[in-house]
Every structure is written in structure tokens, then in C-alpha cells.
Amino acid sequence: MATTKNMIGVSIIEDNHFLRTGWLAALQTVPDFVVIGSHASCEEAFQSPDIGDADVVLMDIGLPGMSGIEGVKYLAEHFPSIATIMCTVYDDDQKIFDALCAGAVGYLLKEIEAPELIKAIREAAAGGSPMTPNIARKVIATFHKTPAKTTEPLTAGESEVLRLLAQGKSYAAIAGEVHLSLDGVRTRIRRIYEKLHVHTRSEAVAKGLSQRLIQPRF
């Protein structure tokens, strides 16, 4: 179901039936919105032949099966023109960074009222990055911090691998993009962890953002 030029196609992926129904009812009253689909899981949504027709996807994080973070990565890879907004109860820094690094353009808390949700969808469709005010403050605060220096700067190759890690790429996918063996990728990632004094991918990405070694995708 393709949308016309002046219409905004919206898909909802939310496992809470009552919340999903409420969003659906609110969005169906907007004259220039077309609700492409309303789904309880990413698996269900991605099986729909109409998912690629959406301009904006409202995505929960805590979904059954494939998580919302994994869902954002899937959409970013397969439908890069879709703007994904995370709608969630979580407001901790790590989930915000994970969502933005995965490809989300906005991050809203589920307590948002219908008029603000509609406004956020319009903003995302127009190329903006809608965020609940306290979420926006968290993001801005991170970039206002004076970045701590690493004991040793990352090389260009290590910076590229860190960027790909932030996009949620698998080790095999990274190996293909940077033309290294899997062992070579593991060695490079281990070196990144050593330089940033971290132990996991999410810690490396969070520190890469705070030190401005990489930029969030929004």
C-alpha cells in the first residue's frame, strides 16, 4: 500500500495491546497520516509486504523475540529511508545511545500525549530528530562534557571498526567491509577495548560517543 506524496505512512510496532490500540486510534484521525500497519512484534511487522511503504515507524524497545534495538538495525539496513522513532519507558543513557547508534532518529517516552506524538511523527518525516525533552537534555549533556583523553589514540582502521560496531554490524560483516579476517577483526576490537579501557561493545560505543570518536546516527 503505497502512500501519496503528501501523506505520511506510519507503522506501529508495540506489544502492549492497549497502548498500540490507543496510538492507532489517535493516528487514524490525522488527515494526512496513513497507518500502514499495527504490529505486536518485529517479526510480524517485517513479514508484512507493506513495511517498506512506511515513512515513519514507532518502535518499542522491550519487544518479545527481536528487540526494538535489533529491529531498528534491521530497518536501517533494509529500508534506510524509513525514520524510526523509539517509544519506550526506558530513559537510561545506555538504551538511548544503543537506539541512536542502531539508526533511530528519535526517542520518546511512552507517557507522551497524542498531540506531541503526532508532532514528533511530522518532525521525523521532515528529517528531524524528535526527542522527549529530558531525553534531549541527556544527549546534549553528553556532548557538553569535556571528552576524556584515551591513553593512546585510535588508528584510522580502529576508528572505522568502532563506527561499524556502533551500527550493530556482526564481526563477519565488519571483516567484509574492512577487508580483514575474523581473527584480524577480533584483534582490532581487542585493541580498541584496551585503548578505551572497556570490556564490551556497548561500553566501547558509549565511550566512543562521549569522546566524540564517533557520531550518533541522527
C-alpha atoms as a PDB file:
ATOM      1  CA  MET A   1       0.000   0.000   0.000  1.00  0.00           C
ATOM      2  CA  ALA A   2       1.989   2.962  -1.244  1.00  0.00           C
ATOM      3  CA  THR A   3       1.307   6.429   0.194  1.00  0.00           C
ATOM      4  CA  THR A   4       0.761   9.530  -1.907  1.00  0.00           C
ATOM      5  CA  LYS A   5       3.269  12.365  -1.980  1.00  0.00           C
ATOM      6  CA  ASN A   6       1.502  14.466   0.674  1.00  0.00           C
ATOM      7  CA  MET A   7       0.644  11.612   3.026  1.00  0.00           C
ATOM      8  CA  ILE A   8       2.811  10.250   5.846  1.00  0.00           C
ATOM      9  CA  GLY A   9       2.806   6.469   6.176  1.00  0.00           C
ATOM     10  CA  VAL A  10       3.191   5.246   9.757  1.00  0.00           C
ATOM     11  CA  SER A  11       3.757   1.742  11.125  1.00  0.00           C
ATOM     12  CA  ILE A  12       3.430   0.851  14.805  1.00  0.00           C
ATOM     13  CA  ILE A  13       5.449  -1.941  16.455  1.00  0.00           C
ATOM     14  CA  GLU A  14       4.343  -2.245  20.083  1.00  0.00           C
ATOM     15  CA  ASP A  15       3.446  -5.372  22.061  1.00  0.00           C
ATOM     16  CA  ASN A  16       1.174  -3.603  24.592  1.00  0.00           C
ATOM     17  CA  HIS A  17      -2.261  -4.088  23.059  1.00  0.00           C
ATOM     18  CA  PHE A  18      -3.917  -1.163  24.839  1.00  0.00           C
ATOM     19  CA  LEU A  19      -1.139   1.298  24.021  1.00  0.00           C
ATOM     20  CA  ARG A  20      -0.970   0.105  20.420  1.00  0.00           C
ATOM     21  CA  THR A  21      -4.736   0.460  20.063  1.00  0.00           C
ATOM     22  CA  GLY A  22      -4.618   3.947  21.569  1.00  0.00           C
ATOM     23  CA  TRP A  23      -1.883   5.103  19.196  1.00  0.00           C
ATOM     24  CA  LEU A  24      -3.735   3.586  16.261  1.00  0.00           C
ATOM     25  CA  ALA A  25      -6.964   5.394  17.164  1.00  0.00           C
ATOM     26  CA  ALA A  26      -5.146   8.726  17.564  1.00  0.00           C
ATOM     27  CA  LEU A  27      -3.157   8.475  14.325  1.00  0.00           C
ATOM     28  CA  GLN A  28      -6.145   7.392  12.246  1.00  0.00           C
ATOM     29  CA  THR A  29      -7.800  10.741  12.989  1.00  0.00           C
ATOM     30  CA  VAL A  30      -4.957  12.706  11.358  1.00  0.00           C
ATOM     31  CA  PRO A  31      -6.000  13.583   7.780  1.00  0.00           C
ATOM     32  CA  ASP A  32      -2.550  13.319   6.204  1.00  0.00           C
ATOM     33  CA  PHE A  33      -1.471  10.155   8.079  1.00  0.00           C
ATOM     34  CA  VAL A  34      -1.898   6.645   6.715  1.00  0.00           C
ATOM     35  CA  VAL A  35      -1.372   3.834   9.219  1.00  0.00           C
ATOM     36  CA  ILE A  36       0.455   1.213   7.156  1.00  0.00           C
ATOM     37  CA  GLY A  37       0.400  -1.427   9.885  1.00  0.00           C
ATOM     38  CA  SER A  38      -0.008  -2.084  13.596  1.00  0.00           C
ATOM     39  CA  HIS A  39       2.063  -4.997  14.903  1.00  0.00           C
ATOM     40  CA  ALA A  40       2.872  -6.695  18.209  1.00  0.00           C
ATOM     41  CA  SER A  41       6.414  -7.723  17.220  1.00  0.00           C
ATOM     42  CA  CYS A  42       9.206  -7.000  14.765  1.00  0.00           C
ATOM     43  CA  GLU A  43       8.864 -10.488  13.309  1.00  0.00           C
ATOM     44  CA  GLU A  44       5.208  -9.822  12.496  1.00  0.00           C
ATOM     45  CA  ALA A  45       5.928  -6.351  11.106  1.00  0.00           C
ATOM     46  CA  PHE A  46       8.819  -7.428   8.907  1.00  0.00           C
ATOM     47  CA  GLN A  47       6.739 -10.187   7.330  1.00  0.00           C
ATOM     48  CA  SER A  48       4.252  -7.573   6.140  1.00  0.00           C
ATOM     49  CA  PRO A  49       4.689  -6.700   2.455  1.00  0.00           C
ATOM     50  CA  ASP A  50       3.761  -3.088   3.286  1.00  0.00           C
ATOM     51  CA  ILE A  51       6.515  -2.364   5.826  1.00  0.00           C
ATOM     52  CA  GLY A  52       8.665  -0.666   3.169  1.00  0.00           C
ATOM     53  CA  ASP A  53       5.872   1.810   2.444  1.00  0.00           C
ATOM     54  CA  ALA A  54       6.153   3.429   5.868  1.00  0.00           C
ATOM     55  CA  ASP A  55       7.780   6.825   6.192  1.00  0.00           C
ATOM     56  CA  VAL A  56       7.945   6.616   9.996  1.00  0.00           C
ATOM     57  CA  VAL A  57       7.977   3.602  12.324  1.00  0.00           C
ATOM     58  CA  LEU A  58       7.088   3.879  16.011  1.00  0.00           C
ATOM     59  CA  MET A  59       9.140   1.165  17.719  1.00  0.00           C
ATOM     60  CA  ASP A  60       9.083  -0.156  21.282  1.00  0.00           C
ATOM     61  CA  ILE A  61      12.418  -1.336  22.763  1.00  0.00           C
ATOM     62  CA  GLY A  62      11.241  -4.156  25.034  1.00  0.00           C
ATOM     63  CA  LEU A  63       9.577  -6.345  22.423  1.00  0.00           C
ATOM     64  CA  PRO A  64       9.142 -10.120  22.561  1.00  0.00           C
ATOM     65  CA  GLY A  65      11.538 -12.005  20.288  1.00  0.00           C
ATOM     66  CA  MET A  66      13.562  -9.492  18.285  1.00  0.00           C
ATOM     67  CA  SER A  67      14.209  -6.439  20.449  1.00  0.00           C
ATOM     68  CA  GLY A  68      13.481  -2.908  19.342  1.00  0.00           C
ATOM     69  CA  ILE A  69      17.229  -2.202  19.055  1.00  0.00           C
ATOM     70  CA  GLU A  70      17.604  -5.173  16.707  1.00  0.00           C
ATOM     71  CA  GLY A  71      14.513  -4.003  14.841  1.00  0.00           C
ATOM     72  CA  VAL A  72      15.986  -0.545  14.286  1.00  0.00           C
ATOM     73  CA  LYS A  73      19.160  -2.123  12.888  1.00  0.00           C
ATOM     74  CA  TYR A  74      17.087  -4.237  10.507  1.00  0.00           C
ATOM     75  CA  LEU A  75      15.137  -1.232   9.238  1.00  0.00           C
ATOM     76  CA  ALA A  76      18.284   0.874   8.861  1.00  0.00           C
ATOM     77  CA  GLU A  77      19.894  -1.850   6.751  1.00  0.00           C
ATOM     78  CA  HIS A  78      16.883  -2.876   4.641  1.00  0.00           C
ATOM     79  CA  PHE A  79      14.816   0.339   4.493  1.00  0.00           C
ATOM     80  CA  PRO A  80      17.219   3.255   5.095  1.00  0.00           C
ATOM     81  CA  SER A  81      14.628   5.835   4.037  1.00  0.00           C
ATOM     82  CA  ILE A  82      12.355   4.932   6.971  1.00  0.00           C
ATOM     83  CA  ALA A  83      12.649   7.168  10.045  1.00  0.00           C
ATOM     84  CA  THR A  84      12.377   5.090  13.225  1.00  0.00           C
ATOM     85  CA  ILE A  85      11.257   6.671  16.492  1.00  0.00           C
ATOM     86  CA  MET A  86      11.768   4.709  19.696  1.00  0.00           C
ATOM     87  CA  CYS A  87       8.780   4.932  22.059  1.00  0.00           C
ATOM     88  CA  THR A  88       9.685   3.379  25.383  1.00  0.00           C
ATOM     89  CA  VAL A  89       9.535   3.510  29.164  1.00  0.00           C
ATOM     90  CA  TYR A  90      13.350   3.442  29.350  1.00  0.00           C
ATOM     91  CA  ASP A  91      15.279   6.674  29.777  1.00  0.00           C
ATOM     92  CA  ASP A  92      18.722   5.373  30.814  1.00  0.00           C
ATOM     93  CA  ASP A  93      21.755   6.581  28.891  1.00  0.00           C
ATOM     94  CA  GLN A  94      22.820   3.198  27.515  1.00  0.00           C
ATOM     95  CA  LYS A  95      19.488   2.403  25.869  1.00  0.00           C
ATOM     96  CA  ILE A  96      19.358   5.909  24.392  1.00  0.00           C
ATOM     97  CA  PHE A  97      22.813   5.530  22.865  1.00  0.00           C
ATOM     98  CA  ASP A  98      22.110   1.983  21.688  1.00  0.00           C
ATOM     99  CA  ALA A  99      18.923   3.126  19.941  1.00  0.00           C
ATOM    100  CA  LEU A 100      20.527   6.142  18.282  1.00  0.00           C
ATOM    101  CA  CYS A 101      23.599   4.176  17.212  1.00  0.00           C
ATOM    102  CA  ALA A 102      21.370   1.472  15.776  1.00  0.00           C
ATOM    103  CA  GLY A 103      19.747   4.021  13.482  1.00  0.00           C
ATOM    104  CA  ALA A 104      16.814   5.560  15.373  1.00  0.00           C
ATOM    105  CA  VAL A 105      16.174   9.231  14.565  1.00  0.00           C
ATOM    106  CA  GLY A 106      14.126   9.976  17.665  1.00  0.00           C
ATOM    107  CA  TYR A 107      13.497   8.781  21.217  1.00  0.00           C
ATOM    108  CA  LEU A 108      10.206   9.375  23.026  1.00  0.00           C
ATOM    109  CA  LEU A 109       8.863   8.185  26.368  1.00  0.00           C
ATOM    110  CA  LYS A 110       5.506   6.405  26.285  1.00  0.00           C
ATOM    111  CA  GLU A 111       3.967   8.993  28.589  1.00  0.00           C
ATOM    112  CA  ILE A 112       3.850  11.356  25.600  1.00  0.00           C
ATOM    113  CA  GLU A 113       0.419  12.804  24.798  1.00  0.00           C
ATOM    114  CA  ALA A 114      -1.207  12.237  21.392  1.00  0.00           C
ATOM    115  CA  PRO A 115      -0.681  15.818  20.070  1.00  0.00           C
ATOM    116  CA  GLU A 116       3.044  15.620  20.878  1.00  0.00           C
ATOM    117  CA  LEU A 117       3.293  12.167  19.286  1.00  0.00           C
ATOM    118  CA  ILE A 118       1.681  13.473  16.100  1.00  0.00           C
ATOM    119  CA  LYS A 119       4.051  16.451  16.112  1.00  0.00           C
ATOM    120  CA  ALA A 120       7.033  14.121  16.569  1.00  0.00           C
ATOM    121  CA  ILE A 121       5.975  11.952  13.625  1.00  0.00           C
ATOM    122  CA  ARG A 122       5.695  15.020  11.395  1.00  0.00           C
ATOM    123  CA  GLU A 123       9.140  16.171  12.553  1.00  0.00           C
ATOM    124  CA  ALA A 124      10.728  12.780  11.833  1.00  0.00           C
ATOM    125  CA  ALA A 125       9.080  12.587   8.402  1.00  0.00           C
ATOM    126  CA  ALA A 126      10.510  16.037   7.614  1.00  0.00           C
ATOM    127  CA  GLY A 127      14.040  14.936   8.510  1.00  0.00           C
ATOM    128  CA  GLY A 128      14.126  15.995  12.153  1.00  0.00           C
ATOM    129  CA  SER A 129      15.046  14.159  15.352  1.00  0.00           C
ATOM    130  CA  PRO A 130      12.165  14.342  17.829  1.00  0.00           C
ATOM    131  CA  MET A 131      13.013  13.632  21.461  1.00  0.00           C
ATOM    132  CA  THR A 132      11.213  13.903  24.757  1.00  0.00           C
ATOM    133  CA  PRO A 133      12.764  16.972  26.495  1.00  0.00           C
ATOM    134  CA  ASN A 134      14.562  15.070  29.264  1.00  0.00           C
ATOM    135  CA  ILE A 135      15.990  12.649  26.691  1.00  0.00           C
ATOM    136  CA  ALA A 136      17.244  15.563  24.593  1.00  0.00           C
ATOM    137  CA  ARG A 137      18.916  17.024  27.680  1.00  0.00           C
ATOM    138  CA  LYS A 138      20.711  13.732  28.345  1.00  0.00           C
ATOM    139  CA  VAL A 139      22.043  13.644  24.771  1.00  0.00           C
ATOM    140  CA  ILE A 140      23.094  17.294  24.845  1.00  0.00           C
ATOM    141  CA  ALA A 141      24.746  16.868  28.257  1.00  0.00           C
ATOM    142  CA  THR A 142      26.893  14.073  26.874  1.00  0.00           C
ATOM    143  CA  PHE A 143      28.250  16.300  24.118  1.00  0.00           C
ATOM    144  CA  HIS A 144      28.810  19.194  26.510  1.00  0.00           C
ATOM    145  CA  LYS A 145      31.125  17.109  28.650  1.00  0.00           C
ATOM    146  CA  THR A 146      34.819  17.683  28.134  1.00  0.00           C
ATOM    147  CA  PRO A 147      35.913  14.481  26.427  1.00  0.00           C
ATOM    148  CA  ALA A 148      38.391  12.409  28.404  1.00  0.00           C
ATOM    149  CA  LYS A 149      41.516  11.518  26.510  1.00  0.00           C
ATOM    150  CA  THR A 150      42.417   7.943  25.750  1.00  0.00           C
ATOM    151  CA  THR A 151      45.887   6.826  26.750  1.00  0.00           C
ATOM    152  CA  GLU A 152      46.597   6.131  23.096  1.00  0.00           C
ATOM    153  CA  PRO A 153      44.621   7.463  20.104  1.00  0.00           C
ATOM    154  CA  LEU A 154      42.724   5.083  17.853  1.00  0.00           C
ATOM    155  CA  THR A 155      44.155   4.488  14.413  1.00  0.00           C
ATOM    156  CA  ALA A 156      42.030   5.178  11.324  1.00  0.00           C
ATOM    157  CA  GLY A 157      41.386   1.455  10.992  1.00  0.00           C
ATOM    158  CA  GLU A 158      40.315   1.144  14.630  1.00  0.00           C
ATOM    159  CA  SER A 159      38.033   4.166  14.321  1.00  0.00           C
ATOM    160  CA  GLU A 160      36.355   2.584  11.303  1.00  0.00           C
ATOM    161  CA  VAL A 161      35.795  -0.684  13.182  1.00  0.00           C
ATOM    162  CA  LEU A 162      34.350   1.238  16.155  1.00  0.00           C
ATOM    163  CA  ARG A 163      31.975   3.042  13.780  1.00  0.00           C
ATOM    164  CA  LEU A 164      30.795  -0.292  12.373  1.00  0.00           C
ATOM    165  CA  LEU A 165      30.394  -1.715  15.869  1.00  0.00           C
ATOM    166  CA  ALA A 166      28.151   1.259  16.678  1.00  0.00           C
ATOM    167  CA  GLN A 167      25.986   0.339  13.680  1.00  0.00           C
ATOM    168  CA  GLY A 168      25.449  -3.109  15.143  1.00  0.00           C
ATOM    169  CA  LYS A 169      27.445  -4.917  12.465  1.00  0.00           C
ATOM    170  CA  SER A 170      28.488  -8.503  13.154  1.00  0.00           C
ATOM    171  CA  TYR A 171      32.174  -9.410  13.244  1.00  0.00           C
ATOM    172  CA  ALA A 172      31.739 -11.192   9.898  1.00  0.00           C
ATOM    173  CA  ALA A 173      30.128  -8.129   8.312  1.00  0.00           C
ATOM    174  CA  ILE A 174      32.900  -5.883   9.657  1.00  0.00           C
ATOM    175  CA  ALA A 175      35.526  -8.265   8.282  1.00  0.00           C
ATOM    176  CA  GLY A 176      33.970  -7.963   4.840  1.00  0.00           C
ATOM    177  CA  GLU A 177      33.839  -4.166   4.946  1.00  0.00           C
ATOM    178  CA  VAL A 178      37.376  -3.561   6.196  1.00  0.00           C
ATOM    179  CA  HIS A 179      38.931  -6.483   4.306  1.00  0.00           C
ATOM    180  CA  LEU A 180      40.273  -8.337   7.333  1.00  0.00           C
ATOM    181  CA  SER A 181      39.972 -11.924   8.522  1.00  0.00           C
ATOM    182  CA  LEU A 182      37.723 -12.649  11.506  1.00  0.00           C
ATOM    183  CA  ASP A 183      40.819 -13.053  13.654  1.00  0.00           C
ATOM    184  CA  GLY A 184      42.075  -9.710  12.373  1.00  0.00           C
ATOM    185  CA  VAL A 185      38.787  -8.058  13.342  1.00  0.00           C
ATOM    186  CA  ARG A 186      38.880  -9.633  16.797  1.00  0.00           C
ATOM    187  CA  THR A 187      42.436  -8.396  17.295  1.00  0.00           C
ATOM    188  CA  ARG A 188      41.487  -4.881  16.238  1.00  0.00           C
ATOM    189  CA  ILE A 189      38.446  -4.849  18.522  1.00  0.00           C
ATOM    190  CA  ARG A 190      40.548  -6.121  21.431  1.00  0.00           C
ATOM    191  CA  ARG A 191      42.968  -3.256  20.797  1.00  0.00           C
ATOM    192  CA  ILE A 192      40.069  -0.764  20.784  1.00  0.00           C
ATOM    193  CA  TYR A 193      38.852  -2.123  24.123  1.00  0.00           C
ATOM    194  CA  GLU A 194      42.346  -1.804  25.575  1.00  0.00           C
ATOM    195  CA  LYS A 195      42.724   1.793  24.414  1.00  0.00           C
ATOM    196  CA  LEU A 196      39.268   2.838  25.637  1.00  0.00           C
ATOM    197  CA  HIS A 197      39.554   0.817  28.868  1.00  0.00           C
ATOM    198  CA  VAL A 198      36.270  -1.021  28.257  1.00  0.00           C
ATOM    199  CA  HIS A 199      35.187  -4.648  28.081  1.00  0.00           C
ATOM    200  CA  THR A 200      32.048  -4.769  25.907  1.00  0.00           C
ATOM    201  CA  ARG A 201      30.708  -3.432  22.612  1.00  0.00           C
ATOM    202  CA  SER A 202      28.122  -1.209  24.326  1.00  0.00           C
ATOM    203  CA  GLU A 203      30.788   0.282  26.617  1.00  0.00           C
ATOM    204  CA  ALA A 204      33.034   0.944  23.617  1.00  0.00           C
ATOM    205  CA  VAL A 205      30.229   2.636  21.695  1.00  0.00           C
ATOM    206  CA  ALA A 206      29.162   4.732  24.694  1.00  0.00           C
ATOM    207  CA  LYS A 207      32.742   5.853  25.295  1.00  0.00           C
ATOM    208  CA  GLY A 208      33.234   6.494  21.583  1.00  0.00           C
ATOM    209  CA  LEU A 209      30.223   8.803  21.669  1.00  0.00           C
ATOM    210  CA  SER A 210      31.265  10.595  24.861  1.00  0.00           C
ATOM    211  CA  GLN A 211      34.775  11.155  23.484  1.00  0.00           C
ATOM    212  CA  ARG A 212      33.369  12.180  20.093  1.00  0.00           C
ATOM    213  CA  LEU A 213      35.246   9.428  18.304  1.00  0.00           C
ATOM    214  CA  ILE A 214      32.008   8.516  16.530  1.00  0.00           C
ATOM    215  CA  GLN A 215      28.738  10.332  15.985  1.00  0.00           C
ATOM    216  CA  PRO A 216      25.194   9.020  16.704  1.00  0.00           C
ATOM    217  CA  ARG A 217      23.083   8.430  13.586  1.00  0.00           C
ATOM    218  CA  PHE A 218      20.559  11.237  13.992  1.00  0.00           C
END
